[in-house]
All heavy atoms as atom14 arrays in JSON, in Angstrom:
{
  "sequence": "PATESLFGRKSRDVRAVDDVTLEIHPGETLGLIGESGSGKSTLGRLIL",
  "atom14_mask": [
    [1, 1, 1, 1, 1, 1, 1, 0, 0, 0, 0, 0, 0, 0],
    [1, 1, 1, 1, 1, 0, 0, 0, 0, 0, 0, 0, 0, 0],
    [1, 1, 1, 1, 1, 1, 1, 0, 0, 0, 0, 0, 0, 0],
    [1, 1, 1, 1, 1, 1, 1, 1, 1, 0, 0, 0, 0, 0],
    [1, 1, 1, 1, 1, 1, 0, 0, 0, 0, 0, 0, 0, 0],
    [1, 1, 1, 1, 1, 1, 1, 1, 0, 0, 0, 0, 0, 0],
    [1, 1, 1, 1, 1, 1, 1, 1, 1, 1, 1, 0, 0, 0],
    [1, 1, 1, 1, 0, 0, 0, 0, 0, 0, 0, 0, 0, 0],
    [1, 1, 1, 1, 1, 1, 1, 1, 1, 1, 1, 0, 0, 0],
    [1, 1, 1, 1, 1, 1, 1, 1, 1, 0, 0, 0, 0, 0],
    [1, 1, 1, 1, 1, 1, 0, 0, 0, 0, 0, 0, 0, 0],
    [1, 1, 1, 1, 1, 1, 1, 1, 1, 1, 1, 0, 0, 0],
    [1, 1, 1, 1, 1, 1, 1, 1, 0, 0, 0, 0, 0, 0],
    [1, 1, 1, 1, 1, 1, 1, 0, 0, 0, 0, 0, 0, 0],
    [1, 1, 1, 1, 1, 1, 1, 1, 1, 1, 1, 0, 0, 0],
    [1, 1, 1, 1, 1, 0, 0, 0, 0, 0, 0, 0, 0, 0],
    [1, 1, 1, 1, 1, 1, 1, 0, 0, 0, 0, 0, 0, 0],
    [1, 1, 1, 1, 1, 1, 1, 1, 0, 0, 0, 0, 0, 0],
    [1, 1, 1, 1, 1, 1, 1, 1, 0, 0, 0, 0, 0, 0],
    [1, 1, 1, 1, 1, 1, 1, 0, 0, 0, 0, 0, 0, 0],
    [1, 1, 1, 1, 1, 1, 1, 0, 0, 0, 0, 0, 0, 0],
    [1, 1, 1, 1, 1, 1, 1, 1, 0, 0, 0, 0, 0, 0],
    [1, 1, 1, 1, 1, 1, 1, 1, 1, 0, 0, 0, 0, 0],
    [1, 1, 1, 1, 1, 1, 1, 1, 0, 0, 0, 0, 0, 0],
    [1, 1, 1, 1, 1, 1, 1, 1, 1, 1, 0, 0, 0, 0],
    [1, 1, 1, 1, 1, 1, 1, 0, 0, 0, 0, 0, 0, 0],
    [1, 1, 1, 1, 0, 0, 0, 0, 0, 0, 0, 0, 0, 0],
    [1, 1, 1, 1, 1, 1, 1, 1, 1, 0, 0, 0, 0, 0],
    [1, 1, 1, 1, 1, 1, 1, 0, 0, 0, 0, 0, 0, 0],
    [1, 1, 1, 1, 1, 1, 1, 1, 0, 0, 0, 0, 0, 0],
    [1, 1, 1, 1, 0, 0, 0, 0, 0, 0, 0, 0, 0, 0],
    [1, 1, 1, 1, 1, 1, 1, 1, 0, 0, 0, 0, 0, 0],
    [1, 1, 1, 1, 1, 1, 1, 1, 0, 0, 0, 0, 0, 0],
    [1, 1, 1, 1, 0, 0, 0, 0, 0, 0, 0, 0, 0, 0],
    [1, 1, 1, 1, 1, 1, 1, 1, 1, 0, 0, 0, 0, 0],
    [1, 1, 1, 1, 1, 1, 0, 0, 0, 0, 0, 0, 0, 0],
    [1, 1, 1, 1, 0, 0, 0, 0, 0, 0, 0, 0, 0, 0],
    [1, 1, 1, 1, 1, 1, 0, 0, 0, 0, 0, 0, 0, 0],
    [1, 1, 1, 1, 0, 0, 0, 0, 0, 0, 0, 0, 0, 0],
    [1, 1, 1, 1, 1, 1, 1, 1, 1, 0, 0, 0, 0, 0],
    [1, 1, 1, 1, 1, 1, 0, 0, 0, 0, 0, 0, 0, 0],
    [1, 1, 1, 1, 1, 1, 1, 0, 0, 0, 0, 0, 0, 0],
    [1, 1, 1, 1, 1, 1, 1, 1, 0, 0, 0, 0, 0, 0],
    [1, 1, 1, 1, 0, 0, 0, 0, 0, 0, 0, 0, 0, 0],
    [1, 1, 1, 1, 1, 1, 1, 1, 1, 1, 1, 0, 0, 0],
    [1, 1, 1, 1, 1, 1, 1, 1, 0, 0, 0, 0, 0, 0],
    [1, 1, 1, 1, 1, 1, 1, 1, 0, 0, 0, 0, 0, 0],
    [1, 1, 1, 1, 1, 1, 1, 1, 0, 0, 0, 0, 0, 0]
  ],
  "atom14_positions": [
    [[0.82, -1.22, 0.0], [0.0, 0.0, 0.0], [0.84, 1.26, 0.0], [2.02, 1.26, 0.37], [-0.8, -0.13, 1.31], [0.01, -1.01, 2.19], [0.71, -1.97, 1.26], [0.0, 0.0, 0.0], [0.0, 0.0, 0.0], [0.0, 0.0, 0.0], [0.0, 0.0, 0.0], [0.0, 0.0, 0.0], [0.0, 0.0, 0.0], [0.0, 0.0, 0.0]],
    [[0.2, 2.35, -0.42], [0.87, 3.64, -0.46], [1.31, 4.06, 0.93], [0.67, 3.73, 1.93], [-0.08, 4.69, -1.05], [0.0, 0.0, 0.0], [0.0, 0.0, 0.0], [0.0, 0.0, 0.0], [0.0, 0.0, 0.0], [0.0, 0.0, 0.0], [0.0, 0.0, 0.0], [0.0, 0.0, 0.0], [0.0, 0.0, 0.0], [0.0, 0.0, 0.0]],
    [[2.42, 4.77, 0.99], [2.92, 5.3, 2.26], [2.95, 6.83, 2.18], [3.01, 7.41, 1.09], [4.33, 4.78, 2.56], [5.2, 5.12, 1.48], [4.31, 3.27, 2.75], [0.0, 0.0, 0.0], [0.0, 0.0, 0.0], [0.0, 0.0, 0.0], [0.0, 0.0, 0.0], [0.0, 0.0, 0.0], [0.0, 0.0, 0.0], [0.0, 0.0, 0.0]],
    [[2.91, 7.45, 3.35], [2.92, 8.92, 3.41], [4.26, 9.4, 3.92], [4.77, 8.89, 4.93], [1.78, 9.4, 4.32], [1.57, 10.9, 4.26], [0.31, 11.33, 4.99], [-0.73, 10.67, 4.8], [0.38, 12.32, 5.75], [0.0, 0.0, 0.0], [0.0, 0.0, 0.0], [0.0, 0.0, 0.0], [0.0, 0.0, 0.0], [0.0, 0.0, 0.0]],
    [[4.83, 10.38, 3.25], [6.13, 10.92, 3.64], [5.97, 11.91, 4.79], [4.85, 12.26, 5.19], [6.8, 11.62, 2.46], [6.12, 12.83, 2.17], [0.0, 0.0, 0.0], [0.0, 0.0, 0.0], [0.0, 0.0, 0.0], [0.0, 0.0, 0.0], [0.0, 0.0, 0.0], [0.0, 0.0, 0.0], [0.0, 0.0, 0.0], [0.0, 0.0, 0.0]],
    [[7.08, 12.38, 5.31], [7.06, 13.37, 6.39], [6.4, 14.67, 5.96], [5.9, 15.44, 6.78], [8.49, 13.66, 6.87], [9.21, 12.51, 7.59], [10.66, 12.89, 7.86], [8.5, 12.18, 8.9], [0.0, 0.0, 0.0], [0.0, 0.0, 0.0], [0.0, 0.0, 0.0], [0.0, 0.0, 0.0], [0.0, 0.0, 0.0], [0.0, 0.0, 0.0]],
    [[6.4, 14.92, 4.65], [5.82, 16.17, 4.12], [4.39, 15.97, 3.66], [3.81, 16.85, 3.01], [6.69, 16.68, 2.96], [8.12, 16.9, 3.35], [9.09, 15.97, 3.02], [8.49, 18.03, 4.06], [10.41, 16.17, 3.38], [9.81, 18.23, 4.43], [10.78, 17.3, 4.1], [0.0, 0.0, 0.0], [0.0, 0.0, 0.0], [0.0, 0.0, 0.0]],
    [[3.79, 14.84, 4.0], [2.39, 14.61, 3.69], [2.11, 14.11, 2.29], [0.95, 13.98, 1.89], [0.0, 0.0, 0.0], [0.0, 0.0, 0.0], [0.0, 0.0, 0.0], [0.0, 0.0, 0.0], [0.0, 0.0, 0.0], [0.0, 0.0, 0.0], [0.0, 0.0, 0.0], [0.0, 0.0, 0.0], [0.0, 0.0, 0.0], [0.0, 0.0, 0.0]],
    [[3.16, 13.82, 1.53], [2.96, 13.32, 0.17], [2.75, 11.82, 0.2], [3.48, 11.1, 0.88], [4.17, 13.65, -0.71], [4.37, 15.13, -0.93], [5.61, 15.37, -1.79], [5.84, 16.78, -2.03], [6.9, 17.26, -2.67], [7.83, 16.42, -3.13], [7.05, 18.56, -2.85], [0.0, 0.0, 0.0], [0.0, 0.0, 0.0], [0.0, 0.0, 0.0]],
    [[1.75, 11.36, -0.54], [1.46, 9.93, -0.59], [2.05, 9.31, -1.84], [1.91, 9.85, -2.95], [-0.06, 9.69, -0.57], [-0.61, 9.39, 0.8], [-1.96, 8.71, 0.7], [-2.37, 8.15, 2.06], [-3.64, 7.4, 1.96], [0.0, 0.0, 0.0], [0.0, 0.0, 0.0], [0.0, 0.0, 0.0], [0.0, 0.0, 0.0], [0.0, 0.0, 0.0]],
    [[2.73, 8.18, -1.64], [3.24, 7.45, -2.8], [2.13, 6.58, -3.39], [1.08, 6.4, -2.77], [4.42, 6.56, -2.38], [3.97, 5.6, -1.43], [0.0, 0.0, 0.0], [0.0, 0.0, 0.0], [0.0, 0.0, 0.0], [0.0, 0.0, 0.0], [0.0, 0.0, 0.0], [0.0, 0.0, 0.0], [0.0, 0.0, 0.0], [0.0, 0.0, 0.0]],
    [[2.37, 6.06, -4.55], [1.41, 5.15, -5.17], [1.57, 3.75, -4.6], [2.63, 3.39, -4.07], [1.64, 5.1, -6.68], [1.36, 6.39, -7.41], [1.62, 6.22, -8.91], [1.36, 7.44, -9.64], [1.52, 7.57, -10.95], [1.98, 6.53, -11.65], [1.26, 8.71, -11.55], [0.0, 0.0, 0.0], [0.0, 0.0, 0.0], [0.0, 0.0, 0.0]],
    [[0.5, 2.96, -4.69], [0.61, 1.54, -4.36], [1.67, 0.91, -5.25], [1.8, 1.26, -6.43], [-0.72, 0.82, -4.57], [-1.77, 1.21, -3.54], [-1.42, 1.94, -2.6], [-2.92, 0.8, -3.69], [0.0, 0.0, 0.0], [0.0, 0.0, 0.0], [0.0, 0.0, 0.0], [0.0, 0.0, 0.0], [0.0, 0.0, 0.0], [0.0, 0.0, 0.0]],
    [[2.43, -0.01, -4.69], [3.5, -0.68, -5.44], [3.11, -2.13, -5.67], [2.92, -2.89, -4.72], [4.84, -0.61, -4.69], [5.92, -1.38, -5.44], [5.26, 0.84, -4.47], [0.0, 0.0, 0.0], [0.0, 0.0, 0.0], [0.0, 0.0, 0.0], [0.0, 0.0, 0.0], [0.0, 0.0, 0.0], [0.0, 0.0, 0.0], [0.0, 0.0, 0.0]],
    [[2.96, -2.52, -6.93], [2.66, -3.9, -7.28], [3.99, -4.61, -7.52], [4.5, -4.66, -8.63], [1.76, -3.97, -8.51], [1.06, -5.31, -8.69], [-0.02, -5.2, -9.76], [-0.72, -6.44, -9.99], [-1.74, -6.89, -9.28], [-2.17, -6.17, -8.24], [-2.34, -8.04, -9.56], [0.0, 0.0, 0.0], [0.0, 0.0, 0.0], [0.0, 0.0, 0.0]],
    [[4.55, -5.17, -6.45], [5.9, -5.73, -6.51], [5.95, -7.03, -7.29], [6.94, -7.33, -7.96], [6.43, -5.95, -5.09], [0.0, 0.0, 0.0], [0.0, 0.0, 0.0], [0.0, 0.0, 0.0], [0.0, 0.0, 0.0], [0.0, 0.0, 0.0], [0.0, 0.0, 0.0], [0.0, 0.0, 0.0], [0.0, 0.0, 0.0], [0.0, 0.0, 0.0]],
    [[4.9, -7.85, -7.16], [4.79, -9.1, -7.91], [3.43, -9.09, -8.58], [2.4, -8.85, -7.94], [4.93, -10.33, -6.98], [4.66, -11.63, -7.73], [6.31, -10.36, -6.33], [0.0, 0.0, 0.0], [0.0, 0.0, 0.0], [0.0, 0.0, 0.0], [0.0, 0.0, 0.0], [0.0, 0.0, 0.0], [0.0, 0.0, 0.0], [0.0, 0.0, 0.0]],
    [[3.42, -9.34, -9.88], [2.23, -9.1, -10.68], [1.82, -10.36, -11.47], [2.37, -10.66, -12.52], [2.49, -7.94, -11.65], [1.23, -7.46, -12.37], [0.16, -8.03, -12.15], [1.35, -6.49, -13.15], [0.0, 0.0, 0.0], [0.0, 0.0, 0.0], [0.0, 0.0, 0.0], [0.0, 0.0, 0.0], [0.0, 0.0, 0.0], [0.0, 0.0, 0.0]],
    [[0.91, -11.14, -10.9], [0.28, -12.27, -11.58], [1.32, -13.28, -12.1], [1.33, -13.67, -13.26], [-0.58, -11.77, -12.74], [-1.57, -12.81, -13.22], [-2.05, -13.63, -12.4], [-1.86, -12.83, -14.44], [0.0, 0.0, 0.0], [0.0, 0.0, 0.0], [0.0, 0.0, 0.0], [0.0, 0.0, 0.0], [0.0, 0.0, 0.0], [0.0, 0.0, 0.0]],
    [[2.19, -13.74, -11.2], [3.26, -14.67, -11.58], [2.78, -16.11, -11.48], [2.19, -16.52, -10.48], [4.49, -14.47, -10.67], [5.48, -15.61, -10.84], [5.16, -13.14, -10.98], [0.0, 0.0, 0.0], [0.0, 0.0, 0.0], [0.0, 0.0, 0.0], [0.0, 0.0, 0.0], [0.0, 0.0, 0.0], [0.0, 0.0, 0.0], [0.0, 0.0, 0.0]],
    [[3.05, -16.87, -12.53], [2.76, -18.3, -12.57], [4.02, -19.03, -13.04], [4.61, -18.65, -14.06], [1.6, -18.61, -13.53], [0.4, -18.01, -13.02], [1.37, -20.11, -13.66], [0.0, 0.0, 0.0], [0.0, 0.0, 0.0], [0.0, 0.0, 0.0], [0.0, 0.0, 0.0], [0.0, 0.0, 0.0], [0.0, 0.0, 0.0], [0.0, 0.0, 0.0]],
    [[4.45, -20.05, -12.27], [5.61, -20.84, -12.67], [5.61, -22.17, -11.91], [4.85, -22.35, -10.95], [6.92, -20.08, -12.43], [7.22, -19.53, -11.03], [7.79, -20.6, -10.11], [8.22, -18.37, -11.13], [0.0, 0.0, 0.0], [0.0, 0.0, 0.0], [0.0, 0.0, 0.0], [0.0, 0.0, 0.0], [0.0, 0.0, 0.0], [0.0, 0.0, 0.0]],
    [[6.45, -23.08, -12.37], [6.62, -24.38, -11.72], [8.11, -24.64, -11.5], [8.94, -24.19, -12.28], [6.05, -25.52, -12.6], [4.56, -25.45, -12.84], [4.09, -26.6, -13.74], [4.96, -27.3, -14.33], [2.88, -26.8, -13.86], [0.0, 0.0, 0.0], [0.0, 0.0, 0.0], [0.0, 0.0, 0.0], [0.0, 0.0, 0.0], [0.0, 0.0, 0.0]],
    [[8.41, -25.36, -10.42], [9.77, -25.8, -10.16], [9.72, -27.3, -9.9], [8.95, -27.76, -9.05], [10.39, -25.07, -8.95], [10.34, -23.55, -9.17], [11.84, -25.51, -8.75], [10.87, -22.73, -8.02], [0.0, 0.0, 0.0], [0.0, 0.0, 0.0], [0.0, 0.0, 0.0], [0.0, 0.0, 0.0], [0.0, 0.0, 0.0], [0.0, 0.0, 0.0]],
    [[10.54, -28.05, -10.62], [10.48, -29.51, -10.56], [11.55, -30.07, -9.63], [12.6, -29.44, -9.41], [10.63, -30.09, -11.97], [9.52, -29.67, -12.89], [8.34, -30.35, -12.97], [9.42, -28.62, -13.75], [7.54, -29.76, -13.85], [8.17, -28.69, -14.33], [0.0, 0.0, 0.0], [0.0, 0.0, 0.0], [0.0, 0.0, 0.0], [0.0, 0.0, 0.0]],
    [[11.33, -31.24, -9.08], [12.3, -31.83, -8.13], [13.69, -31.94, -8.73], [13.86, -32.4, -9.86], [11.72, -33.21, -7.83], [10.26, -33.08, -8.1], [10.15, -32.12, -9.25], [0.0, 0.0, 0.0], [0.0, 0.0, 0.0], [0.0, 0.0, 0.0], [0.0, 0.0, 0.0], [0.0, 0.0, 0.0], [0.0, 0.0, 0.0], [0.0, 0.0, 0.0]],
    [[14.7, -31.5, -7.96], [16.08, -31.64, -8.37], [16.61, -30.58, -9.31], [17.8, -30.59, -9.64], [0.0, 0.0, 0.0], [0.0, 0.0, 0.0], [0.0, 0.0, 0.0], [0.0, 0.0, 0.0], [0.0, 0.0, 0.0], [0.0, 0.0, 0.0], [0.0, 0.0, 0.0], [0.0, 0.0, 0.0], [0.0, 0.0, 0.0], [0.0, 0.0, 0.0]],
    [[15.78, -29.65, -9.76], [16.26, -28.64, -10.69], [16.59, -27.34, -9.97], [16.23, -27.13, -8.8], [15.23, -28.38, -11.79], [14.08, -27.46, -11.42], [13.3, -26.96, -12.63], [13.84, -26.99, -13.76], [12.15, -26.52, -12.43], [0.0, 0.0, 0.0], [0.0, 0.0, 0.0], [0.0, 0.0, 0.0], [0.0, 0.0, 0.0], [0.0, 0.0, 0.0]],
    [[17.29, -26.47, -10.68], [17.51, -25.11, -10.22], [16.82, -24.17, -11.19], [17.16, -24.13, -12.38], [19.0, -24.76, -10.17], [19.65, -25.6, -9.22], [19.22, -23.31, -9.76], [0.0, 0.0, 0.0], [0.0, 0.0, 0.0], [0.0, 0.0, 0.0], [0.0, 0.0, 0.0], [0.0, 0.0, 0.0], [0.0, 0.0, 0.0], [0.0, 0.0, 0.0]],
    [[15.82, -23.43, -10.69], [15.2, -22.39, -11.49], [15.89, -21.08, -11.14], [15.81, -20.62, -9.99], [13.7, -22.28, -11.23], [12.99, -21.16, -12.0], [13.03, -21.43, -13.51], [11.56, -20.97, -11.52], [0.0, 0.0, 0.0], [0.0, 0.0, 0.0], [0.0, 0.0, 0.0], [0.0, 0.0, 0.0], [0.0, 0.0, 0.0], [0.0, 0.0, 0.0]],
    [[16.6, -20.51, -12.09], [17.25, -19.23, -11.87], [16.26, -18.1, -12.12], [15.59, -18.08, -13.15], [0.0, 0.0, 0.0], [0.0, 0.0, 0.0], [0.0, 0.0, 0.0], [0.0, 0.0, 0.0], [0.0, 0.0, 0.0], [0.0, 0.0, 0.0], [0.0, 0.0, 0.0], [0.0, 0.0, 0.0], [0.0, 0.0, 0.0], [0.0, 0.0, 0.0]],
    [[16.16, -17.18, -11.17], [15.26, -16.03, -11.3], [16.12, -14.79, -11.39], [16.82, -14.42, -10.44], [14.33, -15.95, -10.09], [13.29, -14.83, -10.08], [12.32, -14.98, -11.25], [12.52, -14.81, -8.75], [0.0, 0.0, 0.0], [0.0, 0.0, 0.0], [0.0, 0.0, 0.0], [0.0, 0.0, 0.0], [0.0, 0.0, 0.0], [0.0, 0.0, 0.0]],
    [[16.1, -14.14, -12.56], [16.98, -13.01, -12.81], [16.19, -11.77, -13.16], [15.12, -11.85, -13.78], [17.99, -13.36, -13.95], [19.02, -12.24, -14.1], [17.28, -13.66, -15.27], [20.2, -12.61, -14.99], [0.0, 0.0, 0.0], [0.0, 0.0, 0.0], [0.0, 0.0, 0.0], [0.0, 0.0, 0.0], [0.0, 0.0, 0.0], [0.0, 0.0, 0.0]],
    [[16.72, -10.64, -12.76], [16.11, -9.35, -13.07], [16.89, -8.26, -12.35], [17.7, -8.53, -11.47], [0.0, 0.0, 0.0], [0.0, 0.0, 0.0], [0.0, 0.0, 0.0], [0.0, 0.0, 0.0], [0.0, 0.0, 0.0], [0.0, 0.0, 0.0], [0.0, 0.0, 0.0], [0.0, 0.0, 0.0], [0.0, 0.0, 0.0], [0.0, 0.0, 0.0]],
    [[16.64, -7.02, -12.73], [17.35, -5.91, -12.1], [16.82, -5.67, -10.69], [15.79, -6.21, -10.29], [17.19, -4.65, -12.95], [15.74, -4.22, -13.11], [15.55, -3.19, -14.2], [16.35, -3.16, -15.15], [14.58, -2.42, -14.1], [0.0, 0.0, 0.0], [0.0, 0.0, 0.0], [0.0, 0.0, 0.0], [0.0, 0.0, 0.0], [0.0, 0.0, 0.0]],
    [[17.53, -4.85, -9.93], [17.09, -4.49, -8.59], [15.71, -3.83, -8.66], [15.47, -2.98, -9.52], [18.09, -3.53, -7.93], [19.34, -4.15, -7.77], [0.0, 0.0, 0.0], [0.0, 0.0, 0.0], [0.0, 0.0, 0.0], [0.0, 0.0, 0.0], [0.0, 0.0, 0.0], [0.0, 0.0, 0.0], [0.0, 0.0, 0.0], [0.0, 0.0, 0.0]],
    [[14.82, -4.23, -7.76], [13.47, -3.68, -7.75], [12.49, -4.39, -8.67], [11.33, -3.98, -8.77], [0.0, 0.0, 0.0], [0.0, 0.0, 0.0], [0.0, 0.0, 0.0], [0.0, 0.0, 0.0], [0.0, 0.0, 0.0], [0.0, 0.0, 0.0], [0.0, 0.0, 0.0], [0.0, 0.0, 0.0], [0.0, 0.0, 0.0], [0.0, 0.0, 0.0]],
    [[12.93, -5.47, -9.3], [12.03, -6.17, -10.22], [11.03, -7.08, -9.51], [10.09, -7.56, -10.13], [12.84, -7.0, -11.23], [13.61, -7.97, -10.55], [0.0, 0.0, 0.0], [0.0, 0.0, 0.0], [0.0, 0.0, 0.0], [0.0, 0.0, 0.0], [0.0, 0.0, 0.0], [0.0, 0.0, 0.0], [0.0, 0.0, 0.0], [0.0, 0.0, 0.0]],
    [[11.25, -7.33, -8.22], [10.32, -8.17, -7.46], [10.83, -9.56, -7.15], [10.09, -10.38, -6.61], [0.0, 0.0, 0.0], [0.0, 0.0, 0.0], [0.0, 0.0, 0.0], [0.0, 0.0, 0.0], [0.0, 0.0, 0.0], [0.0, 0.0, 0.0], [0.0, 0.0, 0.0], [0.0, 0.0, 0.0], [0.0, 0.0, 0.0], [0.0, 0.0, 0.0]],
    [[12.1, -9.83, -7.47], [12.65, -11.18, -7.31], [12.6, -11.66, -5.86], [12.1, -12.74, -5.57], [14.1, -11.24, -7.8], [14.34, -10.74, -9.2], [15.77, -10.93, -9.63], [16.81, -10.28, -8.72], [16.7, -8.8, -8.66], [0.0, 0.0, 0.0], [0.0, 0.0, 0.0], [0.0, 0.0, 0.0], [0.0, 0.0, 0.0], [0.0, 0.0, 0.0]],
    [[13.15, -10.86, -4.96], [13.21, -11.27, -3.56], [11.83, -11.33, -2.94], [11.54, -12.2, -2.1], [14.1, -10.3, -2.76], [15.45, -10.42, -3.17], [0.0, 0.0, 0.0], [0.0, 0.0, 0.0], [0.0, 0.0, 0.0], [0.0, 0.0, 0.0], [0.0, 0.0, 0.0], [0.0, 0.0, 0.0], [0.0, 0.0, 0.0], [0.0, 0.0, 0.0]],
    [[10.95, -10.42, -3.34], [9.57, -10.46, -2.85], [8.91, -11.76, -3.26], [8.21, -12.4, -2.45], [8.77, -9.26, -3.38], [9.4, -8.04, -2.97], [7.34, -9.28, -2.85], [0.0, 0.0, 0.0], [0.0, 0.0, 0.0], [0.0, 0.0, 0.0], [0.0, 0.0, 0.0], [0.0, 0.0, 0.0], [0.0, 0.0, 0.0], [0.0, 0.0, 0.0]],
    [[9.13, -12.2, -4.49], [8.56, -13.46, -4.94], [9.09, -14.62, -4.12], [8.33, -15.51, -3.71], [8.87, -13.67, -6.43], [8.39, -14.99, -7.04], [6.88, -15.16, -6.88], [8.79, -15.09, -8.51], [0.0, 0.0, 0.0], [0.0, 0.0, 0.0], [0.0, 0.0, 0.0], [0.0, 0.0, 0.0], [0.0, 0.0, 0.0], [0.0, 0.0, 0.0]],
    [[10.39, -14.63, -3.84], [10.95, -15.7, -3.02], [10.32, -15.76, -1.65], [10.01, -16.84, -1.13], [0.0, 0.0, 0.0], [0.0, 0.0, 0.0], [0.0, 0.0, 0.0], [0.0, 0.0, 0.0], [0.0, 0.0, 0.0], [0.0, 0.0, 0.0], [0.0, 0.0, 0.0], [0.0, 0.0, 0.0], [0.0, 0.0, 0.0], [0.0, 0.0, 0.0]],
    [[10.09, -14.61, -1.04], [9.49, -14.57, 0.29], [8.01, -14.94, 0.26], [7.49, -15.54, 1.21], [9.7, -13.19, 0.92], [11.13, -12.99, 1.41], [11.49, -11.52, 1.6], [12.79, -11.37, 2.24], [13.95, -11.57, 1.67], [13.99, -11.96, 0.39], [15.08, -11.42, 2.32], [0.0, 0.0, 0.0], [0.0, 0.0, 0.0], [0.0, 0.0, 0.0]],
    [[7.33, -14.58, -0.81], [5.93, -15.0, -0.97], [5.81, -16.51, -1.06], [4.91, -17.12, -0.47], [5.32, -14.36, -2.22], [5.03, -12.86, -2.17], [4.67, -12.36, -3.55], [3.9, -12.55, -1.19], [0.0, 0.0, 0.0], [0.0, 0.0, 0.0], [0.0, 0.0, 0.0], [0.0, 0.0, 0.0], [0.0, 0.0, 0.0], [0.0, 0.0, 0.0]],
    [[6.73, -17.12, -1.8], [6.71, -18.57, -1.96], [6.85, -19.26, -0.6], [6.17, -20.26, -0.32], [7.81, -19.02, -2.94], [7.42, -18.63, -4.38], [8.07, -20.52, -2.84], [8.52, -18.84, -5.39], [0.0, 0.0, 0.0], [0.0, 0.0, 0.0], [0.0, 0.0, 0.0], [0.0, 0.0, 0.0], [0.0, 0.0, 0.0], [0.0, 0.0, 0.0]],
    [[7.7, -18.72, 0.25], [7.94, -19.31, 1.56], [6.93, -18.84, 2.61], [7.0, -19.25, 3.76], [9.36, -18.99, 2.04], [10.5, -19.55, 1.2], [11.84, -19.1, 1.77], [10.44, -21.06, 1.13], [0.0, 0.0, 0.0], [0.0, 0.0, 0.0], [0.0, 0.0, 0.0], [0.0, 0.0, 0.0], [0.0, 0.0, 0.0], [0.0, 0.0, 0.0]]
  ]
}
């Protein structure tokens, strides 16, 4: 959700992970790559 700064300005809602669908199979490594802020770590924490 949006947050409010010390000066009363509200940021926009941030959609960190957006309708992601994927599968990971036993014994494999699925590499998840993207730039900083792309939602990678958020997705990992959502999974757990």
